[in-house]
Amino acid sequence: GFILRKLDVVLSTLNATHSDIISMTAHVVDIHKNGQDVLKAHCNYMAGKGNATRSVCSWTMVGVSGLLPEGCLVQLEVKAIVRRGPANSLILDRPYGGVKI
């Protein structure tokens, strides 16, 4: 999905990989409606593709009443330890409707 592809790009820009991720927090609008889709996308992403395996990290999903920009349904906060520096917080969001993360 959009957010997870964006996460791949940002990690690559930081010369980091998924094994550098230490925690992820998903802020989800209308968690009862959208939470299962977010959970499924997260599980698929962390499982990896083909022979590539994703590392395990702490993960939290939080229900929120709304996000900015208006219409955003999911915001993903990722903390990673980058080899050349301290932990970096990356906040990626999708400004459009839908829960395709």
C-alpha atoms as a PDB file:
ATOM      1  CA  GLY A   1       0.000   0.000   0.000  1.00  0.00           C
ATOM      2  CA  PHE A   2       0.823   3.657  -0.214  1.00  0.00           C
ATOM      3  CA  ILE A   3       2.144   4.207   3.307  1.00  0.00           C
ATOM      4  CA  LEU A   4       4.216   1.044   3.361  1.00  0.00           C
ATOM      5  CA  ARG A   5       5.802   1.804  -0.034  1.00  0.00           C
ATOM      6  CA  LYS A   6       6.574   5.286   1.273  1.00  0.00           C
ATOM      7  CA  LEU A   7       8.131   3.698   4.379  1.00  0.00           C
ATOM      8  CA  ASP A   8      10.393   1.570   2.160  1.00  0.00           C
ATOM      9  CA  VAL A   9      11.578   4.718   0.337  1.00  0.00           C
ATOM     10  CA  VAL A  10      12.231   6.660   3.541  1.00  0.00           C
ATOM     11  CA  LEU A  11      14.135   3.783   5.136  1.00  0.00           C
ATOM     12  CA  SER A  12      16.247   3.429   2.010  1.00  0.00           C
ATOM     13  CA  THR A  13      16.967   7.179   2.033  1.00  0.00           C
ATOM     14  CA  LEU A  14      18.213   6.854   5.617  1.00  0.00           C
ATOM     15  CA  ASN A  15      20.407   3.911   4.612  1.00  0.00           C
ATOM     16  CA  ALA A  16      18.273   1.790   6.924  1.00  0.00           C
ATOM     17  CA  THR A  17      16.443  -1.484   6.495  1.00  0.00           C
ATOM     18  CA  HIS A  18      13.442  -3.080   8.136  1.00  0.00           C
ATOM     19  CA  SER A  19      15.731  -4.769  10.617  1.00  0.00           C
ATOM     20  CA  ASP A  20      16.473  -1.273  11.977  1.00  0.00           C
ATOM     21  CA  ILE A  21      12.820  -0.682  12.930  1.00  0.00           C
ATOM     22  CA  ILE A  22      12.265  -0.894  16.678  1.00  0.00           C
ATOM     23  CA  SER A  23       8.616   0.192  16.921  1.00  0.00           C
ATOM     24  CA  MET A  24       5.591   1.144  14.845  1.00  0.00           C
ATOM     25  CA  THR A  25       2.391   2.909  15.919  1.00  0.00           C
ATOM     26  CA  ALA A  26      -0.644   3.137  13.634  1.00  0.00           C
ATOM     27  CA  HIS A  27      -3.166   5.887  14.417  1.00  0.00           C
ATOM     28  CA  VAL A  28      -6.441   4.784  12.814  1.00  0.00           C
ATOM     29  CA  VAL A  29      -9.640   6.774  12.316  1.00  0.00           C
ATOM     30  CA  ASP A  30     -12.749   4.679  13.117  1.00  0.00           C
ATOM     31  CA  ILE A  31     -10.703   1.732  14.390  1.00  0.00           C
ATOM     32  CA  HIS A  32     -13.754  -0.545  14.561  1.00  0.00           C
ATOM     33  CA  LYS A  33     -14.342  -0.078  10.836  1.00  0.00           C
ATOM     34  CA  ASN A  34     -10.761   0.213   9.576  1.00  0.00           C
ATOM     35  CA  GLY A  35      -8.668  -1.629  12.163  1.00  0.00           C
ATOM     36  CA  GLN A  36      -8.848  -5.114  10.645  1.00  0.00           C
ATOM     37  CA  ASP A  37      -7.630  -3.825   7.250  1.00  0.00           C
ATOM     38  CA  VAL A  38      -4.749  -1.993   8.923  1.00  0.00           C
ATOM     39  CA  LEU A  39      -3.829  -5.076  10.971  1.00  0.00           C
ATOM     40  CA  LYS A  40      -3.902  -7.301   7.872  1.00  0.00           C
ATOM     41  CA  ALA A  41      -1.694  -4.873   5.903  1.00  0.00           C
ATOM     42  CA  HIS A  42       0.755  -4.637   8.809  1.00  0.00           C
ATOM     43  CA  CYS A  43       0.979  -8.430   9.157  1.00  0.00           C
ATOM     44  CA  ASN A  44       1.495  -8.915   5.410  1.00  0.00           C
ATOM     45  CA  TYR A  45       4.185  -6.231   5.341  1.00  0.00           C
ATOM     46  CA  MET A  46       6.087  -7.603   8.326  1.00  0.00           C
ATOM     47  CA  ALA A  47       5.921 -11.135   6.884  1.00  0.00           C
ATOM     48  CA  GLY A  48       7.967  -9.948   3.913  1.00  0.00           C
ATOM     49  CA  LYS A  49       7.896 -10.945   0.278  1.00  0.00           C
ATOM     50  CA  GLY A  50       9.455 -14.060  -1.175  1.00  0.00           C
ATOM     51  CA  ASN A  51      12.698 -14.916   0.592  1.00  0.00           C
ATOM     52  CA  ALA A  52      13.001 -11.479   2.217  1.00  0.00           C
ATOM     53  CA  THR A  53      11.984 -11.576   5.854  1.00  0.00           C
ATOM     54  CA  ARG A  54      10.933  -8.587   7.867  1.00  0.00           C
ATOM     55  CA  SER A  55      12.126  -8.108  11.406  1.00  0.00           C
ATOM     56  CA  VAL A  56       9.806  -8.182  14.375  1.00  0.00           C
ATOM     57  CA  CYS A  57       9.238  -4.926  16.231  1.00  0.00           C
ATOM     58  CA  SER A  58       6.825  -3.625  18.832  1.00  0.00           C
ATOM     59  CA  TRP A  59       3.556  -2.500  17.243  1.00  0.00           C
ATOM     60  CA  THR A  60       0.573  -0.552  18.546  1.00  0.00           C
ATOM     61  CA  MET A  61      -2.693   0.431  16.868  1.00  0.00           C
ATOM     62  CA  VAL A  62      -4.527   3.398  18.390  1.00  0.00           C
ATOM     63  CA  GLY A  63      -8.037   4.547  17.508  1.00  0.00           C
ATOM     64  CA  VAL A  64      -8.368   8.302  16.948  1.00  0.00           C
ATOM     65  CA  SER A  65     -11.311  10.584  16.154  1.00  0.00           C
ATOM     66  CA  GLY A  66      -9.549  12.227  13.210  1.00  0.00           C
ATOM     67  CA  LEU A  67      -6.248  13.073  11.544  1.00  0.00           C
ATOM     68  CA  LEU A  68      -4.869  15.957   9.509  1.00  0.00           C
ATOM     69  CA  PRO A  69      -4.968  16.502   6.637  1.00  0.00           C
ATOM     70  CA  GLU A  70      -8.729  16.035   6.495  1.00  0.00           C
ATOM     71  CA  GLY A  71      -9.668  12.674   5.006  1.00  0.00           C
ATOM     72  CA  CYS A  72      -6.548  10.910   6.270  1.00  0.00           C
ATOM     73  CA  LEU A  73      -7.550   7.580   7.840  1.00  0.00           C
ATOM     74  CA  VAL A  74      -4.186   6.147   8.885  1.00  0.00           C
ATOM     75  CA  GLN A  75      -0.989   7.681  10.195  1.00  0.00           C
ATOM     76  CA  LEU A  76       1.988   5.418  10.774  1.00  0.00           C
ATOM     77  CA  GLU A  77       4.796   6.390  13.130  1.00  0.00           C
ATOM     78  CA  VAL A  78       7.962   4.327  12.787  1.00  0.00           C
ATOM     79  CA  LYS A  79      11.005   4.477  15.012  1.00  0.00           C
ATOM     80  CA  ALA A  80      14.228   3.046  13.689  1.00  0.00           C
ATOM     81  CA  ILE A  81      17.793   3.006  14.909  1.00  0.00           C
ATOM     82  CA  VAL A  82      19.981   4.156  12.062  1.00  0.00           C
ATOM     83  CA  ARG A  83      23.539   2.857  12.188  1.00  0.00           C
ATOM     84  CA  ARG A  84      25.097   6.279  11.852  1.00  0.00           C
ATOM     85  CA  GLY A  85      22.999   8.074  14.468  1.00  0.00           C
ATOM     86  CA  PRO A  86      20.299   7.986  17.114  1.00  0.00           C
ATOM     87  CA  ALA A  87      16.720   6.777  16.695  1.00  0.00           C
ATOM     88  CA  ASN A  88      14.722   8.671  14.077  1.00  0.00           C
ATOM     89  CA  SER A  89      10.960   9.119  14.138  1.00  0.00           C
ATOM     90  CA  LEU A  90       9.322   8.883  10.742  1.00  0.00           C
ATOM     91  CA  ILE A  91       5.701   9.953  10.401  1.00  0.00           C
ATOM     92  CA  LEU A  92       4.065   8.891   7.146  1.00  0.00           C
ATOM     93  CA  ASP A  93       0.442   9.495   6.334  1.00  0.00           C
ATOM     94  CA  ARG A  94      -1.992   9.030   3.511  1.00  0.00           C
ATOM     95  CA  PRO A  95      -3.978  12.211   2.814  1.00  0.00           C
ATOM     96  CA  TYR A  96      -6.738  10.430   0.922  1.00  0.00           C
ATOM     97  CA  GLY A  97      -9.666   8.216   1.897  1.00  0.00           C
ATOM     98  CA  GLY A  98      -9.393   4.463   2.051  1.00  0.00           C
ATOM     99  CA  VAL A  99      -7.370   2.210   4.276  1.00  0.00           C
ATOM    100  CA  LYS A 100      -5.002   0.811   1.668  1.00  0.00           C
ATOM    101  CA  ILE A 101      -1.767   1.066   3.613  1.00  0.00           C
END
